[in-house]
């Protein structure tokens, strides 16, 4: 069996907390979880068109963020959204 390679990467405190919480709740080893997540992500990158990959963080300028917030605050909910919130189906 080939030797494993250890990697090191900086992550945010929030990501570390989520990782540790998941490990505590499930008993899955951190190394296994990271290996599986990395394999899953790499497979998606190889098999899916780039425009279908949704990144967990999207960075926009302050100006764009403020414009998006203004649009969201001014938007009226659709009938479908109101129905969903009322019935939860």
PDB file of N, CA and C in Angstrom:
ATOM      1  N   UNK A   1       0.846  -1.170   0.000  1.00  0.00           N
ATOM      2  CA  UNK A   1       0.000   0.000   0.000  1.00  0.00           C
ATOM      3  C   UNK A   1       0.894   1.237   0.000  1.00  0.00           C
ATOM      4  N   UNK A   2       0.542   2.233  -0.826  1.00  0.00           N
ATOM      5  CA  UNK A   2       1.319   3.463  -0.924  1.00  0.00           C
ATOM      6  C   UNK A   2       1.142   4.298   0.340  1.00  0.00           C
ATOM      7  N   UNK A   3       2.167   5.039   0.669  1.00  0.00           N
ATOM      8  CA  UNK A   3       2.107   5.920   1.838  1.00  0.00           C
ATOM      9  C   UNK A   3       1.191   7.098   1.547  1.00  0.00           C
ATOM     10  N   UNK A   4       0.460   7.537   2.570  1.00  0.00           N
ATOM     11  CA  UNK A   4      -0.394   8.711   2.425  1.00  0.00           C
ATOM     12  C   UNK A   4       0.454   9.972   2.476  1.00  0.00           C
ATOM     13  N   UNK A   5      -0.062  11.031   1.883  1.00  0.00           N
ATOM     14  CA  UNK A   5       0.588  12.333   1.930  1.00  0.00           C
ATOM     15  C   UNK A   5      -0.237  13.238   2.822  1.00  0.00           C
ATOM     16  N   UNK A   6       0.414  13.938   3.717  1.00  0.00           N
ATOM     17  CA  UNK A   6      -0.275  14.875   4.587  1.00  0.00           C
ATOM     18  C   UNK A   6      -0.224  16.254   3.961  1.00  0.00           C
ATOM     19  N   UNK A   7      -1.361  16.962   4.017  1.00  0.00           N
ATOM     20  CA  UNK A   7      -1.405  18.330   3.509  1.00  0.00           C
ATOM     21  C   UNK A   7      -1.744  19.274   4.649  1.00  0.00           C
ATOM     22  N   UNK A   8      -1.408  20.521   4.465  1.00  0.00           N
ATOM     23  CA  UNK A   8      -1.720  21.547   5.442  1.00  0.00           C
ATOM     24  C   UNK A   8      -2.313  22.729   4.692  1.00  0.00           C
ATOM     25  N   UNK A   9      -3.410  23.239   5.196  1.00  0.00           N
ATOM     26  CA  UNK A   9      -4.051  24.378   4.542  1.00  0.00           C
ATOM     27  C   UNK A   9      -4.720  25.252   5.590  1.00  0.00           C
ATOM     28  N   UNK A  10      -4.558  26.551   5.473  1.00  0.00           N
ATOM     29  CA  UNK A  10      -5.250  27.436   6.411  1.00  0.00           C
ATOM     30  C   UNK A  10      -6.751  27.441   6.129  1.00  0.00           C
ATOM     31  N   UNK A  11      -7.562  27.406   7.186  1.00  0.00           N
ATOM     32  CA  UNK A  11      -9.013  27.495   7.059  1.00  0.00           C
ATOM     33  C   UNK A  11      -9.510  28.503   8.087  1.00  0.00           C
ATOM     34  N   UNK A  12     -10.704  29.021   7.883  1.00  0.00           N
ATOM     35  CA  UNK A  12     -11.261  29.992   8.817  1.00  0.00           C
ATOM     36  C   UNK A  12     -11.655  29.304  10.119  1.00  0.00           C
ATOM     37  N   UNK A  13     -11.787  30.094  11.155  1.00  0.00           N
ATOM     38  CA  UNK A  13     -12.240  29.551  12.439  1.00  0.00           C
ATOM     39  C   UNK A  13     -13.635  28.961  12.293  1.00  0.00           C
ATOM     40  N   UNK A  14     -14.490  29.596  11.500  1.00  0.00           N
ATOM     41  CA  UNK A  14     -15.855  29.098  11.312  1.00  0.00           C
ATOM     42  C   UNK A  14     -15.846  27.719  10.656  1.00  0.00           C
ATOM     43  N   UNK A  15     -14.996  27.532   9.667  1.00  0.00           N
ATOM     44  CA  UNK A  15     -14.904  26.228   9.003  1.00  0.00           C
ATOM     45  C   UNK A  15     -14.360  25.183   9.966  1.00  0.00           C
ATOM     46  N   UNK A  16     -13.353  25.535  10.729  1.00  0.00           N
ATOM     47  CA  UNK A  16     -12.788  24.604  11.712  1.00  0.00           C
ATOM     48  C   UNK A  16     -13.849  24.185  12.724  1.00  0.00           C
ATOM     49  N   UNK A  17     -14.636  25.144  13.200  1.00  0.00           N
ATOM     50  CA  UNK A  17     -15.689  24.833  14.170  1.00  0.00           C
ATOM     51  C   UNK A  17     -16.722  23.881  13.576  1.00  0.00           C
ATOM     52  N   UNK A  18     -17.105  24.121  12.316  1.00  0.00           N
ATOM     53  CA  UNK A  18     -18.067  23.232  11.654  1.00  0.00           C
ATOM     54  C   UNK A  18     -17.487  21.834  11.488  1.00  0.00           C
ATOM     55  N   UNK A  19     -16.214  21.753  11.117  1.00  0.00           N
ATOM     56  CA  UNK A  19     -15.537  20.471  10.954  1.00  0.00           C
ATOM     57  C   UNK A  19     -15.518  19.712  12.276  1.00  0.00           C
ATOM     58  N   UNK A  20     -15.110  20.387  13.326  1.00  0.00           N
ATOM     59  CA  UNK A  20     -15.011  19.735  14.629  1.00  0.00           C
ATOM     60  C   UNK A  20     -16.381  19.310  15.153  1.00  0.00           C
ATOM     61  N   UNK A  21     -17.396  20.114  14.931  1.00  0.00           N
ATOM     62  CA  UNK A  21     -18.753  19.759  15.352  1.00  0.00           C
ATOM     63  C   UNK A  21     -19.219  18.505  14.625  1.00  0.00           C
ATOM     64  N   UNK A  22     -18.983  18.441  13.319  1.00  0.00           N
ATOM     65  CA  UNK A  22     -19.395  17.275  12.539  1.00  0.00           C
ATOM     66  C   UNK A  22     -18.663  16.023  13.000  1.00  0.00           C
ATOM     67  N   UNK A  23     -17.374  16.154  13.241  1.00  0.00           N
ATOM     68  CA  UNK A  23     -16.565  15.019  13.694  1.00  0.00           C
ATOM     69  C   UNK A  23     -17.072  14.517  15.042  1.00  0.00           C
ATOM     70  N   UNK A  24     -17.375  15.439  15.956  1.00  0.00           N
ATOM     71  CA  UNK A  24     -17.896  15.034  17.273  1.00  0.00           C
ATOM     72  C   UNK A  24     -19.242  14.324  17.144  1.00  0.00           C
ATOM     73  N   UNK A  25     -20.106  14.845  16.276  1.00  0.00           N
ATOM     74  CA  UNK A  25     -21.449  14.283  16.144  1.00  0.00           C
ATOM     75  C   UNK A  25     -21.466  12.929  15.456  1.00  0.00           C
ATOM     76  N   UNK A  26     -20.569  12.708  14.526  1.00  0.00           N
ATOM     77  CA  UNK A  26     -20.622  11.495  13.706  1.00  0.00           C
ATOM     78  C   UNK A  26     -19.549  10.468  14.037  1.00  0.00           C
ATOM     79  N   UNK A  27     -18.464  10.895  14.659  1.00  0.00           N
ATOM     80  CA  UNK A  27     -17.364   9.986  14.925  1.00  0.00           C
ATOM     81  C   UNK A  27     -16.458   9.754  13.724  1.00  0.00           C
ATOM     82  N   UNK A  28     -16.741  10.429  12.616  1.00  0.00           N
ATOM     83  CA  UNK A  28     -15.903  10.315  11.417  1.00  0.00           C
ATOM     84  C   UNK A  28     -14.562  10.987  11.706  1.00  0.00           C
ATOM     85  N   UNK A  29     -13.494  10.382  11.268  1.00  0.00           N
ATOM     86  CA  UNK A  29     -12.163  10.965  11.450  1.00  0.00           C
ATOM     87  C   UNK A  29     -11.996  12.162  10.524  1.00  0.00           C
ATOM     88  N   UNK A  30     -11.298  13.179  11.010  1.00  0.00           N
ATOM     89  CA  UNK A  30     -11.084  14.395  10.213  1.00  0.00           C
ATOM     90  C   UNK A  30     -10.417  14.089   8.881  1.00  0.00           C
ATOM     91  N   UNK A  31      -9.391  13.276   8.914  1.00  0.00           N
ATOM     92  CA  UNK A  31      -8.674  12.948   7.686  1.00  0.00           C
ATOM     93  C   UNK A  31      -9.572  12.300   6.647  1.00  0.00           C
ATOM     94  N   UNK A  32     -10.434  11.386   7.103  1.00  0.00           N
ATOM     95  CA  UNK A  32     -11.365  10.714   6.192  1.00  0.00           C
ATOM     96  C   UNK A  32     -12.349  11.718   5.602  1.00  0.00           C
ATOM     97  N   UNK A  33     -12.878  12.582   6.451  1.00  0.00           N
ATOM     98  CA  UNK A  33     -13.835  13.582   5.981  1.00  0.00           C
ATOM     99  C   UNK A  33     -13.206  14.517   4.950  1.00  0.00           C
ATOM    100  N   UNK A  34     -12.000  14.985   5.228  1.00  0.00           N
ATOM    101  CA  UNK A  34     -11.311  15.878   4.292  1.00  0.00           C
ATOM    102  C   UNK A  34     -11.018  15.158   2.982  1.00  0.00           C
ATOM    103  N   UNK A  35     -10.558  13.917   3.059  1.00  0.00           N
ATOM    104  CA  UNK A  35     -10.280  13.122   1.857  1.00  0.00           C
ATOM    105  C   UNK A  35     -11.535  12.966   1.001  1.00  0.00           C
ATOM    106  N   UNK A  36     -12.647  12.588   1.637  1.00  0.00           N
ATOM    107  CA  UNK A  36     -13.886  12.389   0.895  1.00  0.00           C
ATOM    108  C   UNK A  36     -14.405  13.698   0.294  1.00  0.00           C
ATOM    109  N   UNK A  37     -14.321  14.775   1.064  1.00  0.00           N
ATOM    110  CA  UNK A  37     -14.784  16.075   0.565  1.00  0.00           C
ATOM    111  C   UNK A  37     -13.946  16.534  -0.621  1.00  0.00           C
ATOM    112  N   UNK A  38     -12.642  16.358  -0.529  1.00  0.00           N
ATOM    113  CA  UNK A  38     -11.752  16.755  -1.613  1.00  0.00           C
ATOM    114  C   UNK A  38     -12.001  15.912  -2.858  1.00  0.00           C
ATOM    115  N   UNK A  39     -12.152  14.606  -2.695  1.00  0.00           N
ATOM    116  CA  UNK A  39     -12.452  13.745  -3.837  1.00  0.00           C
ATOM    117  C   UNK A  39     -13.781  14.130  -4.484  1.00  0.00           C
ATOM    118  N   UNK A  40     -14.777  14.405  -3.671  1.00  0.00           N
ATOM    119  CA  UNK A  40     -16.097  14.796  -4.170  1.00  0.00           C
ATOM    120  C   UNK A  40     -16.006  16.092  -4.966  1.00  0.00           C
ATOM    121  N   UNK A  41     -15.303  17.058  -4.416  1.00  0.00           N
ATOM    122  CA  UNK A  41     -15.161  18.355  -5.088  1.00  0.00           C
ATOM    123  C   UNK A  41     -14.384  18.214  -6.397  1.00  0.00           C
ATOM    124  N   UNK A  42     -13.287  17.488  -6.370  1.00  0.00           N
ATOM    125  CA  UNK A  42     -12.487  17.310  -7.586  1.00  0.00           C
ATOM    126  C   UNK A  42     -13.264  16.566  -8.665  1.00  0.00           C
ATOM    127  N   UNK A  43     -14.054  15.578  -8.268  1.00  0.00           N
ATOM    128  CA  UNK A  43     -14.867  14.854  -9.238  1.00  0.00           C
ATOM    129  C   UNK A  43     -15.895  15.790  -9.863  1.00  0.00           C
ATOM    130  N   UNK A  44     -16.522  16.627  -9.055  1.00  0.00           N
ATOM    131  CA  UNK A  44     -17.494  17.584  -9.589  1.00  0.00           C
ATOM    132  C   UNK A  44     -16.821  18.533 -10.571  1.00  0.00           C
ATOM    133  N   UNK A  45     -15.637  19.018 -10.226  1.00  0.00           N
ATOM    134  CA  UNK A  45     -14.919  19.932 -11.121  1.00  0.00           C
ATOM    135  C   UNK A  45     -14.571  19.264 -12.447  1.00  0.00           C
ATOM    136  N   UNK A  46     -14.264  17.976 -12.400  1.00  0.00           N
ATOM    137  CA  UNK A  46     -13.895  17.246 -13.616  1.00  0.00           C
ATOM    138  C   UNK A  46     -15.104  16.880 -14.474  1.00  0.00           C
ATOM    139  N   UNK A  47     -16.234  16.607 -13.859  1.00  0.00           N
ATOM    140  CA  UNK A  47     -17.368  16.062 -14.592  1.00  0.00           C
ATOM    141  C   UNK A  47     -18.458  17.066 -14.930  1.00  0.00           C
ATOM    142  N   UNK A  48     -18.557  18.148 -14.197  1.00  0.00           N
ATOM    143  CA  UNK A  48     -19.627  19.114 -14.440  1.00  0.00           C
ATOM    144  C   UNK A  48     -19.112  20.324 -15.202  1.00  0.00           C
ATOM    145  N   UNK A  49     -19.973  20.918 -16.018  1.00  0.00           N
ATOM    146  CA  UNK A  49     -19.575  22.174 -16.667  1.00  0.00           C
ATOM    147  C   UNK A  49     -19.322  23.242 -15.601  1.00  0.00           C
ATOM    148  N   UNK A  50     -18.347  24.088 -15.846  1.00  0.00           N
ATOM    149  CA  UNK A  50     -17.937  25.099 -14.864  1.00  0.00           C
ATOM    150  C   UNK A  50     -19.102  25.974 -14.401  1.00  0.00           C
ATOM    151  N   UNK A  51     -20.043  26.270 -15.301  1.00  0.00           N
ATOM    152  CA  UNK A  51     -21.149  27.161 -14.924  1.00  0.00           C
ATOM    153  C   UNK A  51     -22.135  26.508 -13.954  1.00  0.00           C
ATOM    154  N   UNK A  52     -22.029  25.195 -13.752  1.00  0.00           N
ATOM    155  CA  UNK A  52     -22.911  24.520 -12.799  1.00  0.00           C
ATOM    156  C   UNK A  52     -22.303  24.420 -11.403  1.00  0.00           C
ATOM    157  N   UNK A  53     -21.047  24.741 -11.263  1.00  0.00           N
ATOM    158  CA  UNK A  53     -20.389  24.680  -9.958  1.00  0.00           C
ATOM    159  C   UNK A  53     -20.752  25.937  -9.174  1.00  0.00           C
ATOM    160  N   UNK A  54     -21.358  25.730  -8.019  1.00  0.00           N
ATOM    161  CA  UNK A  54     -21.747  26.848  -7.160  1.00  0.00           C
ATOM    162  C   UNK A  54     -20.757  26.898  -6.001  1.00  0.00           C
ATOM    163  N   UNK A  55     -19.977  27.939  -5.949  1.00  0.00           N
ATOM    164  CA  UNK A  55     -18.959  28.075  -4.907  1.00  0.00           C
ATOM    165  C   UNK A  55     -19.619  28.467  -3.585  1.00  0.00           C
ATOM    166  N   UNK A  56     -19.086  28.013  -2.457  1.00  0.00           N
ATOM    167  CA  UNK A  56     -19.705  28.301  -1.167  1.00  0.00           C
ATOM    168  C   UNK A  56     -19.606  29.761  -0.749  1.00  0.00           C
ATOM    169  N   UNK A  57     -18.687  30.481  -1.347  1.00  0.00           N
ATOM    170  CA  UNK A  57     -18.547  31.916  -1.054  1.00  0.00           C
ATOM    171  C   UNK A  57     -18.424  32.679  -2.361  1.00  0.00           C
ATOM    172  N   UNK A  58     -19.179  33.736  -2.454  1.00  0.00           N
ATOM    173  CA  UNK A  58     -19.096  34.601  -3.617  1.00  0.00           C
ATOM    174  C   UNK A  58     -18.703  35.986  -3.111  1.00  0.00           C
ATOM    175  N   UNK A  59     -17.644  36.532  -3.655  1.00  0.00           N
ATOM    176  CA  UNK A  59     -17.143  37.833  -3.213  1.00  0.00           C
ATOM    177  C   UNK A  59     -17.571  38.888  -4.221  1.00  0.00           C
ATOM    178  N   UNK A  60     -18.215  39.921  -3.711  1.00  0.00           N
ATOM    179  CA  UNK A  60     -18.617  41.049  -4.557  1.00  0.00           C
ATOM    180  C   UNK A  60     -18.098  42.335  -3.909  1.00  0.00           C
ATOM    181  N   UNK A  61     -18.061  43.374  -4.690  1.00  0.00           N
ATOM    182  CA  UNK A  61     -17.625  44.666  -4.157  1.00  0.00           C
ATOM    183  C   UNK A  61     -18.680  45.203  -3.189  1.00  0.00           C
ATOM    184  N   UNK A  62     -18.283  46.141  -2.363  1.00  0.00           N
ATOM    185  CA  UNK A  62     -19.233  46.766  -1.440  1.00  0.00           C
ATOM    186  C   UNK A  62     -20.392  47.384  -2.220  1.00  0.00           C
ATOM    187  N   UNK A  63     -20.064  48.036  -3.314  1.00  0.00           N
ATOM    188  CA  UNK A  63     -21.095  48.691  -4.129  1.00  0.00           C
ATOM    189  C   UNK A  63     -22.111  47.665  -4.653  1.00  0.00           C
ATOM    190  N   UNK A  64     -21.621  46.559  -5.160  1.00  0.00           N
ATOM    191  CA  UNK A  64     -22.515  45.509  -5.656  1.00  0.00           C
ATOM    192  C   UNK A  64     -23.324  44.911  -4.513  1.00  0.00           C
ATOM    193  N   UNK A  65     -22.676  44.665  -3.382  1.00  0.00           N
ATOM    194  CA  UNK A  65     -23.372  44.117  -2.216  1.00  0.00           C
ATOM    195  C   UNK A  65     -24.493  45.031  -1.754  1.00  0.00           C
ATOM    196  N   UNK A  66     -24.217  46.318  -1.709  1.00  0.00           N
ATOM    197  CA  UNK A  66     -25.248  47.275  -1.292  1.00  0.00           C
ATOM    198  C   UNK A  66     -26.398  47.309  -2.291  1.00  0.00           C
ATOM    199  N   UNK A  67     -26.090  47.212  -3.581  1.00  0.00           N
ATOM    200  CA  UNK A  67     -27.138  47.200  -4.612  1.00  0.00           C
ATOM    201  C   UNK A  67     -27.999  45.938  -4.483  1.00  0.00           C
ATOM    202  N   UNK A  68     -27.351  44.791  -4.231  1.00  0.00           N
ATOM    203  CA  UNK A  68     -28.099  43.549  -4.051  1.00  0.00           C
ATOM    204  C   UNK A  68     -28.995  43.616  -2.824  1.00  0.00           C
ATOM    205  N   UNK A  69     -28.478  44.170  -1.740  1.00  0.00           N
ATOM    206  CA  UNK A  69     -29.266  44.306  -0.518  1.00  0.00           C
ATOM    207  C   UNK A  69     -30.459  45.212  -0.751  1.00  0.00           C
ATOM    208  N   UNK A  70     -30.248  46.308  -1.444  1.00  0.00           N
ATOM    209  CA  UNK A  70     -31.335  47.249  -1.735  1.00  0.00           C
ATOM    210  C   UNK A  70     -32.431  46.566  -2.556  1.00  0.00           C
ATOM    211  N   UNK A  71     -32.031  45.774  -3.559  1.00  0.00           N
ATOM    212  CA  UNK A  71     -33.002  45.049  -4.374  1.00  0.00           C
ATOM    213  C   UNK A  71     -33.763  44.022  -3.540  1.00  0.00           C
ATOM    214  N   UNK A  72     -33.066  43.311  -2.674  1.00  0.00           N
ATOM    215  CA  UNK A  72     -33.708  42.289  -1.853  1.00  0.00           C
ATOM    216  C   UNK A  72     -34.705  42.903  -0.887  1.00  0.00           C
ATOM    217  N   UNK A  73     -34.341  44.040  -0.307  1.00  0.00           N
ATOM    218  CA  UNK A  73     -35.237  44.695   0.653  1.00  0.00           C
ATOM    219  C   UNK A  73     -36.473  45.271  -0.026  1.00  0.00           C
ATOM    220  N   UNK A  74     -36.340  45.671  -1.288  1.00  0.00           N
ATOM    221  CA  UNK A  74     -37.458  46.275  -2.018  1.00  0.00           C
ATOM    222  C   UNK A  74     -38.353  45.229  -2.689  1.00  0.00           C
ATOM    223  N   UNK A  75     -37.880  44.005  -2.818  1.00  0.00           N
ATOM    224  CA  UNK A  75     -38.619  42.968  -3.551  1.00  0.00           C
ATOM    225  C   UNK A  75     -39.848  42.520  -2.772  1.00  0.00           C
ATOM    226  N   UNK A  76     -40.903  42.257  -3.515  1.00  0.00           N
ATOM    227  CA  UNK A  76     -42.126  41.713  -2.936  1.00  0.00           C
ATOM    228  C   UNK A  76     -42.097  40.195  -3.107  1.00  0.00           C
ATOM    229  N   UNK A  77     -42.528  39.450  -2.092  1.00  0.00           N
ATOM    230  CA  UNK A  77     -42.550  37.996  -2.237  1.00  0.00           C
ATOM    231  C   UNK A  77     -43.579  37.570  -3.284  1.00  0.00           C
ATOM    232  N   UNK A  78     -43.240  36.527  -4.023  1.00  0.00           N
ATOM    233  CA  UNK A  78     -44.164  36.002  -5.017  1.00  0.00           C
ATOM    234  C   UNK A  78     -45.243  35.180  -4.325  1.00  0.00           C
ATOM    235  N   UNK A  79     -46.301  34.892  -5.049  1.00  0.00           N
ATOM    236  CA  UNK A  79     -47.377  34.062  -4.504  1.00  0.00           C
ATOM    237  C   UNK A  79     -46.838  32.680  -4.141  1.00  0.00           C
ATOM    238  N   UNK A  80     -45.953  32.147  -4.968  1.00  0.00           N
ATOM    239  CA  UNK A  80     -45.381  30.825  -4.698  1.00  0.00           C
ATOM    240  C   UNK A  80     -44.574  30.830  -3.403  1.00  0.00           C
ATOM    241  N   UNK A  81     -43.806  31.882  -3.165  1.00  0.00           N
ATOM    242  CA  UNK A  81     -43.024  31.976  -1.939  1.00  0.00           C
ATOM    243  C   UNK A  81     -43.939  32.103  -0.725  1.00  0.00           C
ATOM    244  N   UNK A  82     -44.971  32.941  -0.835  1.00  0.00           N
ATOM    245  CA  UNK A  82     -45.917  33.081   0.284  1.00  0.00           C
ATOM    246  C   UNK A  82     -46.581  31.744   0.597  1.00  0.00           C
ATOM    247  N   UNK A  83     -46.970  31.008  -0.457  1.00  0.00           N
ATOM    248  CA  UNK A  83     -47.601  29.709  -0.269  1.00  0.00           C
ATOM    249  C   UNK A  83     -46.632  28.726   0.394  1.00  0.00           C
ATOM    250  N   UNK A  84     -45.390  28.724  -0.055  1.00  0.00           N
ATOM    251  CA  UNK A  84     -44.383  27.842   0.520  1.00  0.00           C
ATOM    252  C   UNK A  84     -44.183  28.142   2.004  1.00  0.00           C
ATOM    253  N   UNK A  85     -44.073  29.413   2.337  1.00  0.00           N
ATOM    254  CA  UNK A  85     -43.853  29.791   3.738  1.00  0.00           C
ATOM    255  C   UNK A  85     -45.066  29.472   4.601  1.00  0.00           C
ATOM    256  N   UNK A  86     -46.235  29.533   4.016  1.00  0.00           N
ATOM    257  CA  UNK A  86     -47.460  29.259   4.751  1.00  0.00           C
ATOM    258  C   UNK A  86     -47.640  27.762   4.994  1.00  0.00           C
ATOM    259  N   UNK A  87     -47.304  26.945   3.987  1.00  0.00           N
ATOM    260  CA  UNK A  87     -47.588  25.512   4.062  1.00  0.00           C
ATOM    261  C   UNK A  87     -46.347  24.641   4.253  1.00  0.00           C
ATOM    262  N   UNK A  88     -45.172  25.149   3.898  1.00  0.00           N
ATOM    263  CA  UNK A  88     -43.950  24.398   4.095  1.00  0.00           C
ATOM    264  C   UNK A  88     -43.769  23.188   3.201  1.00  0.00           C
ATOM    265  N   UNK A  89     -44.496  23.075   2.110  1.00  0.00           N
ATOM    266  CA  UNK A  89     -44.301  21.928   1.197  1.00  0.00           C
ATOM    267  C   UNK A  89     -43.513  22.366   0.007  1.00  0.00           C
TER     268      UNK A  89
END
